[in-house]
Amino acid sequence: MYAIIRTGGKQYQVAEGDRLRVEKLNGEVGDSVELDDVLMVADGEAIKVGQPVVEGAKITAKIIEQGKGKKIIVFKKKRRKGYKMKQGHRQLYTALEIQGISA
């Protein structure tokens, strides 16, 4: 059984026991979260596709880590103008472990 979920403006395919990093969600390490934006649920031959979401479907996940990703360097320059700008960014993320899928 697997599902397609939407969180943080991105879509992920998840199955029970999977670990994945998503955009930052509120909560502490060890907390349980429910994801309601389920776009599709597949259980063998039975496939439910939502328009846009599957009614009553939920994904239960446990937060295993809150952190920051690797630093990304943003560098802008205009030739012959003396304009240079260097900026760094570290994106916040939440690591989840999928506990269950209910359709």
PDB file of N, CA and C in Angstrom:
ATOM      1  N   MET A   1       0.846  -1.182   0.000  1.00  0.00           N
ATOM      2  CA  MET A   1       0.000   0.000   0.000  1.00  0.00           C
ATOM      3  C   MET A   1       0.888   1.242   0.000  1.00  0.00           C
ATOM      4  N   TYR A   2       0.548   2.204  -0.855  1.00  0.00           N
ATOM      5  CA  TYR A   2       1.292   3.458  -0.874  1.00  0.00           C
ATOM      6  C   TYR A   2       0.331   4.604  -1.159  1.00  0.00           C
ATOM      7  N   ALA A   3       0.817   5.818  -0.946  1.00  0.00           N
ATOM      8  CA  ALA A   3      -0.010   7.005  -1.156  1.00  0.00           C
ATOM      9  C   ALA A   3       0.851   8.129  -1.722  1.00  0.00           C
ATOM     10  N   ILE A   4       0.203   9.065  -2.379  1.00  0.00           N
ATOM     11  CA  ILE A   4       0.849  10.286  -2.848  1.00  0.00           C
ATOM     12  C   ILE A   4       0.313  11.420  -1.979  1.00  0.00           C
ATOM     13  N   ILE A   5       1.227  12.140  -1.301  1.00  0.00           N
ATOM     14  CA  ILE A   5       0.807  13.232  -0.426  1.00  0.00           C
ATOM     15  C   ILE A   5       1.396  14.542  -0.918  1.00  0.00           C
ATOM     16  N   ARG A   6       0.781  15.644  -0.472  1.00  0.00           N
ATOM     17  CA  ARG A   6       1.273  16.979  -0.816  1.00  0.00           C
ATOM     18  C   ARG A   6       1.527  17.729   0.475  1.00  0.00           C
ATOM     19  N   THR A   7       2.752  18.228   0.640  1.00  0.00           N
ATOM     20  CA  THR A   7       3.100  19.047   1.795  1.00  0.00           C
ATOM     21  C   THR A   7       4.241  19.970   1.410  1.00  0.00           C
ATOM     22  N   GLY A   8       4.175  21.199   1.849  1.00  0.00           N
ATOM     23  CA  GLY A   8       5.226  22.155   1.559  1.00  0.00           C
ATOM     24  C   GLY A   8       5.367  22.489   0.083  1.00  0.00           C
ATOM     25  N   GLY A   9       4.271  22.373  -0.679  1.00  0.00           N
ATOM     26  CA  GLY A   9       4.322  22.688  -2.096  1.00  0.00           C
ATOM     27  C   GLY A   9       4.938  21.600  -2.954  1.00  0.00           C
ATOM     28  N   LYS A  10       5.204  20.444  -2.381  1.00  0.00           N
ATOM     29  CA  LYS A  10       5.808  19.339  -3.130  1.00  0.00           C
ATOM     30  C   LYS A  10       4.961  18.085  -2.930  1.00  0.00           C
ATOM     31  N   GLN A  11       5.139  17.106  -3.816  1.00  0.00           N
ATOM     32  CA  GLN A  11       4.418  15.844  -3.709  1.00  0.00           C
ATOM     33  C   GLN A  11       5.404  14.719  -3.440  1.00  0.00           C
ATOM     34  N   TYR A  12       4.989  13.769  -2.595  1.00  0.00           N
ATOM     35  CA  TYR A  12       5.844  12.649  -2.210  1.00  0.00           C
ATOM     36  C   TYR A  12       5.049  11.350  -2.303  1.00  0.00           C
ATOM     37  N   GLN A  13       5.722  10.279  -2.744  1.00  0.00           N
ATOM     38  CA  GLN A  13       5.132   8.949  -2.692  1.00  0.00           C
ATOM     39  C   GLN A  13       5.624   8.283  -1.425  1.00  0.00           C
ATOM     40  N   VAL A  14       4.701   7.833  -0.578  1.00  0.00           N
ATOM     41  CA  VAL A  14       5.079   7.260   0.712  1.00  0.00           C
ATOM     42  C   VAL A  14       4.412   5.900   0.906  1.00  0.00           C
ATOM     43  N   ALA A  15       5.087   5.059   1.665  1.00  0.00           N
ATOM     44  CA  ALA A  15       4.543   3.772   2.092  1.00  0.00           C
ATOM     45  C   ALA A  15       4.827   3.653   3.585  1.00  0.00           C
ATOM     46  N   GLU A  16       4.185   2.725   4.231  1.00  0.00           N
ATOM     47  CA  GLU A  16       4.373   2.547   5.672  1.00  0.00           C
ATOM     48  C   GLU A  16       5.828   2.168   5.956  1.00  0.00           C
ATOM     49  N   GLY A  17       6.441   2.850   6.934  1.00  0.00           N
ATOM     50  CA  GLY A  17       7.828   2.587   7.298  1.00  0.00           C
ATOM     51  C   GLY A  17       8.833   3.477   6.591  1.00  0.00           C
ATOM     52  N   ASP A  18       8.397   4.251   5.590  1.00  0.00           N
ATOM     53  CA  ASP A  18       9.307   5.143   4.867  1.00  0.00           C
ATOM     54  C   ASP A  18       9.756   6.302   5.744  1.00  0.00           C
ATOM     55  N   ARG A  19      10.953   6.808   5.462  1.00  0.00           N
ATOM     56  CA  ARG A  19      11.465   8.026   6.102  1.00  0.00           C
ATOM     57  C   ARG A  19      11.697   9.044   5.007  1.00  0.00           C
ATOM     58  N   LEU A  20      11.263  10.286   5.248  1.00  0.00           N
ATOM     59  CA  LEU A  20      11.466  11.316   4.251  1.00  0.00           C
ATOM     60  C   LEU A  20      11.616  12.674   4.912  1.00  0.00           C
ATOM     61  N   ARG A  21      12.251  13.602   4.181  1.00  0.00           N
ATOM     62  CA  ARG A  21      12.426  14.976   4.634  1.00  0.00           C
ATOM     63  C   ARG A  21      11.440  15.856   3.894  1.00  0.00           C
ATOM     64  N   VAL A  22      10.687  16.635   4.654  1.00  0.00           N
ATOM     65  CA  VAL A  22       9.723  17.572   4.068  1.00  0.00           C
ATOM     66  C   VAL A  22      10.034  18.971   4.579  1.00  0.00           C
ATOM     67  N   GLU A  23       9.385  19.969   3.989  1.00  0.00           N
ATOM     68  CA  GLU A  23       9.527  21.335   4.483  1.00  0.00           C
ATOM     69  C   GLU A  23       9.087  21.369   5.942  1.00  0.00           C
ATOM     70  N   LYS A  24       9.600  22.313   6.707  1.00  0.00           N
ATOM     71  CA  LYS A  24       9.393  22.382   8.160  1.00  0.00           C
ATOM     72  C   LYS A  24       7.923  22.310   8.539  1.00  0.00           C
ATOM     73  N   LEU A  25       7.616  21.403   9.472  1.00  0.00           N
ATOM     74  CA  LEU A  25       6.293  21.279  10.084  1.00  0.00           C
ATOM     75  C   LEU A  25       6.413  21.614  11.558  1.00  0.00           C
ATOM     76  N   ASN A  26       5.362  22.164  12.137  1.00  0.00           N
ATOM     77  CA  ASN A  26       5.364  22.476  13.560  1.00  0.00           C
ATOM     78  C   ASN A  26       5.285  21.194  14.372  1.00  0.00           C
ATOM     79  N   GLY A  27       6.033  21.142  15.460  1.00  0.00           N
ATOM     80  CA  GLY A  27       6.024  19.979  16.338  1.00  0.00           C
ATOM     81  C   GLY A  27       7.416  19.683  16.858  1.00  0.00           C
ATOM     82  N   GLU A  28       7.458  18.883  17.907  1.00  0.00           N
ATOM     83  CA  GLU A  28       8.718  18.477  18.529  1.00  0.00           C
ATOM     84  C   GLU A  28       9.081  17.068  18.076  1.00  0.00           C
ATOM     85  N   VAL A  29      10.348  16.700  18.270  1.00  0.00           N
ATOM     86  CA  VAL A  29      10.802  15.346  17.946  1.00  0.00           C
ATOM     87  C   VAL A  29      10.028  14.359  18.819  1.00  0.00           C
ATOM     88  N   GLY A  30       9.497  13.327  18.196  1.00  0.00           N
ATOM     89  CA  GLY A  30       8.701  12.333  18.906  1.00  0.00           C
ATOM     90  C   GLY A  30       7.207  12.557  18.779  1.00  0.00           C
ATOM     91  N   ASP A  31       6.791  13.757  18.361  1.00  0.00           N
ATOM     92  CA  ASP A  31       5.367  14.045  18.183  1.00  0.00           C
ATOM     93  C   ASP A  31       4.823  13.281  16.982  1.00  0.00           C
ATOM     94  N   SER A  32       3.523  13.073  16.993  1.00  0.00           N
ATOM     95  CA  SER A  32       2.842  12.426  15.883  1.00  0.00           C
ATOM     96  C   SER A  32       2.087  13.500  15.100  1.00  0.00           C
ATOM     97  N   VAL A  33       2.134  13.424  13.782  1.00  0.00           N
ATOM     98  CA  VAL A  33       1.427  14.389  12.930  1.00  0.00           C
ATOM     99  C   VAL A  33       0.544  13.632  11.948  1.00  0.00           C
ATOM    100  N   GLU A  34      -0.564  14.277  11.560  1.00  0.00           N
ATOM    101  CA  GLU A  34      -1.463  13.711  10.559  1.00  0.00           C
ATOM    102  C   GLU A  34      -1.412  14.582   9.322  1.00  0.00           C
ATOM    103  N   LEU A  35      -1.215  13.963   8.176  1.00  0.00           N
ATOM    104  CA  LEU A  35      -1.182  14.675   6.907  1.00  0.00           C
ATOM    105  C   LEU A  35      -2.489  14.369   6.172  1.00  0.00           C
ATOM    106  N   ASP A  36      -3.285  15.412   5.911  1.00  0.00           N
ATOM    107  CA  ASP A  36      -4.604  15.234   5.306  1.00  0.00           C
ATOM    108  C   ASP A  36      -4.619  15.461   3.798  1.00  0.00           C
ATOM    109  N   ASP A  37      -3.555  16.045   3.255  1.00  0.00           N
ATOM    110  CA  ASP A  37      -3.485  16.334   1.818  1.00  0.00           C
ATOM    111  C   ASP A  37      -3.056  15.084   1.053  1.00  0.00           C
ATOM    112  N   VAL A  38      -3.929  14.083   0.974  1.00  0.00           N
ATOM    113  CA  VAL A  38      -3.624  12.819   0.300  1.00  0.00           C
ATOM    114  C   VAL A  38      -4.239  12.883  -1.100  1.00  0.00           C
ATOM    115  N   LEU A  39      -3.391  12.833  -2.118  1.00  0.00           N
ATOM    116  CA  LEU A  39      -3.857  12.965  -3.495  1.00  0.00           C
ATOM    117  C   LEU A  39      -4.266  11.632  -4.113  1.00  0.00           C
ATOM    118  N   MET A  40      -3.627  10.541  -3.667  1.00  0.00           N
ATOM    119  CA  MET A  40      -3.935   9.225  -4.222  1.00  0.00           C
ATOM    120  C   MET A  40      -3.568   8.142  -3.213  1.00  0.00           C
ATOM    121  N   VAL A  41      -4.368   7.080  -3.160  1.00  0.00           N
ATOM    122  CA  VAL A  41      -4.066   5.921  -2.321  1.00  0.00           C
ATOM    123  C   VAL A  41      -4.179   4.679  -3.193  1.00  0.00           C
ATOM    124  N   ALA A  42      -3.145   3.832  -3.171  1.00  0.00           N
ATOM    125  CA  ALA A  42      -3.146   2.594  -3.947  1.00  0.00           C
ATOM    126  C   ALA A  42      -2.933   1.423  -2.997  1.00  0.00           C
ATOM    127  N   ASP A  43      -3.858   0.472  -3.056  1.00  0.00           N
ATOM    128  CA  ASP A  43      -3.763  -0.738  -2.243  1.00  0.00           C
ATOM    129  C   ASP A  43      -3.924  -1.933  -3.177  1.00  0.00           C
ATOM    130  N   GLY A  44      -2.808  -2.400  -3.719  1.00  0.00           N
ATOM    131  CA  GLY A  44      -2.858  -3.496  -4.695  1.00  0.00           C
ATOM    132  C   GLY A  44      -3.539  -3.025  -5.967  1.00  0.00           C
ATOM    133  N   GLU A  45      -4.665  -3.644  -6.310  1.00  0.00           N
ATOM    134  CA  GLU A  45      -5.410  -3.273  -7.513  1.00  0.00           C
ATOM    135  C   GLU A  45      -6.338  -2.083  -7.278  1.00  0.00           C
ATOM    136  N   ALA A  46      -6.722  -1.854  -6.018  1.00  0.00           N
ATOM    137  CA  ALA A  46      -7.651  -0.760  -5.696  1.00  0.00           C
ATOM    138  C   ALA A  46      -6.893   0.565  -5.627  1.00  0.00           C
ATOM    139  N   ILE A  47      -7.282   1.490  -6.510  1.00  0.00           N
ATOM    140  CA  ILE A  47      -6.637   2.804  -6.543  1.00  0.00           C
ATOM    141  C   ILE A  47      -7.715   3.866  -6.375  1.00  0.00           C
ATOM    142  N   LYS A  48      -7.495   4.759  -5.413  1.00  0.00           N
ATOM    143  CA  LYS A  48      -8.402   5.894  -5.200  1.00  0.00           C
ATOM    144  C   LYS A  48      -7.654   7.167  -5.545  1.00  0.00           C
ATOM    145  N   VAL A  49      -8.183   7.911  -6.499  1.00  0.00           N
ATOM    146  CA  VAL A  49      -7.577   9.178  -6.910  1.00  0.00           C
ATOM    147  C   VAL A  49      -8.514  10.295  -6.490  1.00  0.00           C
ATOM    148  N   GLY A  50      -7.982  11.284  -5.803  1.00  0.00           N
ATOM    149  CA  GLY A  50      -8.794  12.395  -5.326  1.00  0.00           C
ATOM    150  C   GLY A  50      -8.924  13.489  -6.359  1.00  0.00           C
ATOM    151  N   GLN A  51      -9.933  14.352  -6.143  1.00  0.00           N
ATOM    152  CA  GLN A  51     -10.144  15.495  -7.018  1.00  0.00           C
ATOM    153  C   GLN A  51     -10.351  16.733  -6.180  1.00  0.00           C
ATOM    154  N   PRO A  52      -9.379  17.394  -5.590  1.00  0.00           N
ATOM    155  CA  PRO A  52      -7.950  17.107  -5.673  1.00  0.00           C
ATOM    156  C   PRO A  52      -7.459  16.151  -4.587  1.00  0.00           C
ATOM    157  N   VAL A  53      -8.209  15.975  -3.465  1.00  0.00           N
ATOM    158  CA  VAL A  53      -7.737  15.083  -2.403  1.00  0.00           C
ATOM    159  C   VAL A  53      -8.734  13.954  -2.187  1.00  0.00           C
ATOM    160  N   VAL A  54      -8.248  12.834  -1.641  1.00  0.00           N
ATOM    161  CA  VAL A  54      -9.094  11.688  -1.320  1.00  0.00           C
ATOM    162  C   VAL A  54      -9.811  11.990  -0.001  1.00  0.00           C
ATOM    163  N   GLU A  55     -11.128  11.927  -0.018  1.00  0.00           N
ATOM    164  CA  GLU A  55     -11.925  12.224   1.179  1.00  0.00           C
ATOM    165  C   GLU A  55     -11.696  11.170   2.262  1.00  0.00           C
ATOM    166  N   GLY A  56     -11.413  11.625   3.477  1.00  0.00           N
ATOM    167  CA  GLY A  56     -11.255  10.728   4.618  1.00  0.00           C
ATOM    168  C   GLY A  56      -9.918  10.014   4.712  1.00  0.00           C
ATOM    169  N   ALA A  57      -9.031  10.245   3.774  1.00  0.00           N
ATOM    170  CA  ALA A  57      -7.719   9.583   3.813  1.00  0.00           C
ATOM    171  C   ALA A  57      -6.763  10.394   4.674  1.00  0.00           C
ATOM    172  N   LYS A  58      -5.978   9.695   5.498  1.00  0.00           N
ATOM    173  CA  LYS A  58      -5.006  10.344   6.372  1.00  0.00           C
ATOM    174  C   LYS A  58      -3.728   9.532   6.419  1.00  0.00           C
ATOM    175  N   ILE A  59      -2.623  10.238   6.571  1.00  0.00           N
ATOM    176  CA  ILE A  59      -1.320   9.618   6.760  1.00  0.00           C
ATOM    177  C   ILE A  59      -0.862   9.983   8.160  1.00  0.00           C
ATOM    178  N   THR A  60      -0.501   9.005   8.952  1.00  0.00           N
ATOM    179  CA  THR A  60       0.013   9.241  10.288  1.00  0.00           C
ATOM    180  C   THR A  60       1.523   9.091  10.250  1.00  0.00           C
ATOM    181  N   ALA A  61       2.229  10.102  10.771  1.00  0.00           N
ATOM    182  CA  ALA A  61       3.694  10.082  10.747  1.00  0.00           C
ATOM    183  C   ALA A  61       4.238  10.554  12.085  1.00  0.00           C
ATOM    184  N   LYS A  62       5.474  10.171  12.364  1.00  0.00           N
ATOM    185  CA  LYS A  62       6.154  10.557  13.599  1.00  0.00           C
ATOM    186  C   LYS A  62       7.345  11.424  13.230  1.00  0.00           C
ATOM    187  N   ILE A  63       7.521  12.545  13.936  1.00  0.00           N
ATOM    188  CA  ILE A  63       8.659  13.429  13.683  1.00  0.00           C
ATOM    189  C   ILE A  63       9.894  12.802  14.317  1.00  0.00           C
ATOM    190  N   ILE A  64      10.932  12.549  13.482  1.00  0.00           N
ATOM    191  CA  ILE A  64      12.154  11.955  14.016  1.00  0.00           C
ATOM    192  C   ILE A  64      13.310  12.948  14.062  1.00  0.00           C
ATOM    193  N   GLU A  65      13.157  14.095  13.351  1.00  0.00           N
ATOM    194  CA  GLU A  65      14.230  15.091  13.380  1.00  0.00           C
ATOM    195  C   GLU A  65      13.705  16.431  12.876  1.00  0.00           C
ATOM    196  N   GLN A  66      14.187  17.505  13.495  1.00  0.00           N
ATOM    197  CA  GLN A  66      13.972  18.873  13.013  1.00  0.00           C
ATOM    198  C   GLN A  66      15.358  19.448  12.762  1.00  0.00           C
ATOM    199  N   GLY A  67      15.602  20.013  11.605  1.00  0.00           N
ATOM    200  CA  GLY A  67      16.944  20.513  11.354  1.00  0.00           C
ATOM    201  C   GLY A  67      17.025  21.485  10.202  1.00  0.00           C
ATOM    202  N   LYS A  68      18.280  21.789   9.828  1.00  0.00           N
ATOM    203  CA  LYS A  68      18.563  22.681   8.711  1.00  0.00           C
ATOM    204  C   LYS A  68      19.357  21.906   7.670  1.00  0.00           C
ATOM    205  N   GLY A  69      19.081  22.173   6.407  1.00  0.00           N
ATOM    206  CA  GLY A  69      19.800  21.523   5.315  1.00  0.00           C
ATOM    207  C   GLY A  69      21.168  22.143   5.105  1.00  0.00           C
ATOM    208  N   LYS A  70      21.874  21.671   4.073  1.00  0.00           N
ATOM    209  CA  LYS A  70      23.185  22.211   3.749  1.00  0.00           C
ATOM    210  C   LYS A  70      23.050  23.646   3.259  1.00  0.00           C
ATOM    211  N   LYS A  71      24.132  24.410   3.422  1.00  0.00           N
ATOM    212  CA  LYS A  71      24.113  25.810   3.011  1.00  0.00           C
ATOM    213  C   LYS A  71      24.171  25.922   1.487  1.00  0.00           C
ATOM    214  N   ILE A  72      23.310  26.777   0.964  1.00  0.00           N
ATOM    215  CA  ILE A  72      23.274  27.090  -0.460  1.00  0.00           C
ATOM    216  C   ILE A  72      23.826  28.502  -0.610  1.00  0.00           C
ATOM    217  N   ILE A  73      24.743  28.700  -1.525  1.00  0.00           N
ATOM    218  CA  ILE A  73      25.319  30.021  -1.774  1.00  0.00           C
ATOM    219  C   ILE A  73      24.592  30.661  -2.957  1.00  0.00           C
ATOM    220  N   VAL A  74      24.077  31.879  -2.741  1.00  0.00           N
ATOM    221  CA  VAL A  74      23.422  32.651  -3.797  1.00  0.00           C
ATOM    222  C   VAL A  74      24.375  33.782  -4.143  1.00  0.00           C
ATOM    223  N   PHE A  75      24.864  33.814  -5.389  1.00  0.00           N
ATOM    224  CA  PHE A  75      25.822  34.826  -5.801  1.00  0.00           C
ATOM    225  C   PHE A  75      25.295  35.538  -7.040  1.00  0.00           C
ATOM    226  N   LYS A  76      25.202  36.861  -6.949  1.00  0.00           N
ATOM    227  CA  LYS A  76      24.742  37.667  -8.082  1.00  0.00           C
ATOM    228  C   LYS A  76      25.840  38.642  -8.468  1.00  0.00           C
ATOM    229  N   LYS A  77      25.953  38.892  -9.772  1.00  0.00           N
ATOM    230  CA  LYS A  77      26.990  39.803 -10.259  1.00  0.00           C
ATOM    231  C   LYS A  77      26.536  40.416 -11.570  1.00  0.00           C
ATOM    232  N   LYS A  78      26.852  41.688 -11.747  1.00  0.00           N
ATOM    233  CA  LYS A  78      26.630  42.354 -13.027  1.00  0.00           C
ATOM    234  C   LYS A  78      27.987  42.791 -13.554  1.00  0.00           C
ATOM    235  N   ARG A  79      28.321  42.355 -14.721  1.00  0.00           N
ATOM    236  CA  ARG A  79      29.656  42.643 -15.245  1.00  0.00           C
ATOM    237  C   ARG A  79      29.828  44.137 -15.536  1.00  0.00           C
ATOM    238  N   ARG A  80      31.017  44.597 -15.266  1.00  0.00           N
ATOM    239  CA  ARG A  80      31.458  45.976 -15.513  1.00  0.00           C
ATOM    240  C   ARG A  80      30.703  47.020 -14.681  1.00  0.00           C
ATOM    241  N   LYS A  81      29.922  46.652 -13.719  1.00  0.00           N
ATOM    242  CA  LYS A  81      29.143  47.611 -12.929  1.00  0.00           C
ATOM    243  C   LYS A  81      29.590  47.665 -11.471  1.00  0.00           C
ATOM    244  N   GLY A  82      30.466  46.766 -11.069  1.00  0.00           N
ATOM    245  CA  GLY A  82      30.912  46.755  -9.682  1.00  0.00           C
ATOM    246  C   GLY A  82      29.874  46.215  -8.714  1.00  0.00           C
ATOM    247  N   TYR A  83      28.886  45.505  -9.235  1.00  0.00           N
ATOM    248  CA  TYR A  83      27.819  44.963  -8.397  1.00  0.00           C
ATOM    249  C   TYR A  83      28.056  43.483  -8.159  1.00  0.00           C
ATOM    250  N   LYS A  84      28.237  43.134  -6.885  1.00  0.00           N
ATOM    251  CA  LYS A  84      28.358  41.735  -6.481  1.00  0.00           C
ATOM    252  C   LYS A  84      27.566  41.564  -5.188  1.00  0.00           C
ATOM    253  N   MET A  85      26.864  40.436  -5.072  1.00  0.00           N
ATOM    254  CA  MET A  85      26.129  40.163  -3.845  1.00  0.00           C
ATOM    255  C   MET A  85      26.261  38.670  -3.542  1.00  0.00           C
ATOM    256  N   LYS A  86      26.685  38.344  -2.340  1.00  0.00           N
ATOM    257  CA  LYS A  86      26.823  36.951  -1.919  1.00  0.00           C
ATOM    258  C   LYS A  86      25.925  36.743  -0.714  1.00  0.00           C
ATOM    259  N   GLN A  87      25.136  35.695  -0.769  1.00  0.00           N
ATOM    260  CA  GLN A  87      24.174  35.429   0.284  1.00  0.00           C
ATOM    261  C   GLN A  87      24.105  33.926   0.504  1.00  0.00           C
ATOM    262  N   GLY A  88      23.901  33.491   1.739  1.00  0.00           N
ATOM    263  CA  GLY A  88      23.767  32.077   2.055  1.00  0.00           C
ATOM    264  C   GLY A  88      22.374  31.766   2.565  1.00  0.00           C
ATOM    265  N   HIS A  89      21.958  30.508   2.400  1.00  0.00           N
ATOM    266  CA  HIS A  89      20.631  30.098   2.864  1.00  0.00           C
ATOM    267  C   HIS A  89      20.674  28.645   3.325  1.00  0.00           C
ATOM    268  N   ARG A  90      20.046  28.363   4.457  1.00  0.00           N
ATOM    269  CA  ARG A  90      19.883  26.989   4.937  1.00  0.00           C
ATOM    270  C   ARG A  90      18.400  26.736   5.154  1.00  0.00           C
ATOM    271  N   GLN A  91      17.837  25.809   4.407  1.00  0.00           N
ATOM    272  CA  GLN A  91      16.404  25.524   4.471  1.00  0.00           C
ATOM    273  C   GLN A  91      16.089  24.642   5.681  1.00  0.00           C
ATOM    274  N   LEU A  92      15.038  24.990   6.414  1.00  0.00           N
ATOM    275  CA  LEU A  92      14.576  24.187   7.540  1.00  0.00           C
ATOM    276  C   LEU A  92      13.810  22.967   7.014  1.00  0.00           C
ATOM    277  N   TYR A  93      13.976  21.820   7.679  1.00  0.00           N
ATOM    278  CA  TYR A  93      13.262  20.618   7.266  1.00  0.00           C
ATOM    279  C   TYR A  93      12.787  19.840   8.484  1.00  0.00           C
ATOM    280  N   THR A  94      11.868  18.932   8.234  1.00  0.00           N
ATOM    281  CA  THR A  94      11.371  17.996   9.239  1.00  0.00           C
ATOM    282  C   THR A  94      11.509  16.599   8.651  1.00  0.00           C
ATOM    283  N   ALA A  95      12.152  15.696   9.374  1.00  0.00           N
ATOM    284  CA  ALA A  95      12.270  14.309   8.930  1.00  0.00           C
ATOM    285  C   ALA A  95      11.124  13.519   9.563  1.00  0.00           C
ATOM    286  N   LEU A  96      10.400  12.783   8.721  1.00  0.00           N
ATOM    287  CA  LEU A  96       9.235  12.026   9.180  1.00  0.00           C
ATOM    288  C   LEU A  96       9.433  10.538   8.940  1.00  0.00           C
ATOM    289  N   GLU A  97       8.810   9.731   9.804  1.00  0.00           N
ATOM    290  CA  GLU A  97       8.702   8.291   9.574  1.00  0.00           C
ATOM    291  C   GLU A  97       7.228   7.976   9.473  1.00  0.00           C
ATOM    292  N   ILE A  98       6.824   7.377   8.359  1.00  0.00           N
ATOM    293  CA  ILE A  98       5.413   7.103   8.109  1.00  0.00           C
ATOM    294  C   ILE A  98       4.981   5.910   8.967  1.00  0.00           C
ATOM    295  N   GLN A  99       3.945   6.133   9.788  1.00  0.00           N
ATOM    296  CA  GLN A  99       3.442   5.097  10.692  1.00  0.00           C
ATOM    297  C   GLN A  99       2.291   4.302  10.061  1.00  0.00           C
ATOM    298  N   GLY A 100       1.403   4.993   9.372  1.00  0.00           N
ATOM    299  CA  GLY A 100       0.249   4.288   8.805  1.00  0.00           C
ATOM    300  C   GLY A 100      -0.474   5.108   7.752  1.00  0.00           C
ATOM    301  N   ILE A 101      -1.198   4.373   6.873  1.00  0.00           N
ATOM    302  CA  ILE A 101      -1.996   4.990   5.825  1.00  0.00           C
ATOM    303  C   ILE A 101      -3.426   4.488   6.010  1.00  0.00           C
ATOM    304  N   SER A 102      -4.370   5.422   6.148  1.00  0.00           N
ATOM    305  CA  SER A 102      -5.780   5.020   6.253  1.00  0.00           C
ATOM    306  C   SER A 102      -6.559   5.698   5.131  1.00  0.00           C
ATOM    307  N   ALA A 103      -7.315   4.910   4.406  1.00  0.00           N
ATOM    308  CA  ALA A 103      -8.055   5.446   3.254  1.00  0.00           C
ATOM    309  C   ALA A 103      -9.537   5.531   3.530  1.00  0.00           C
TER     310      ALA A 103
END
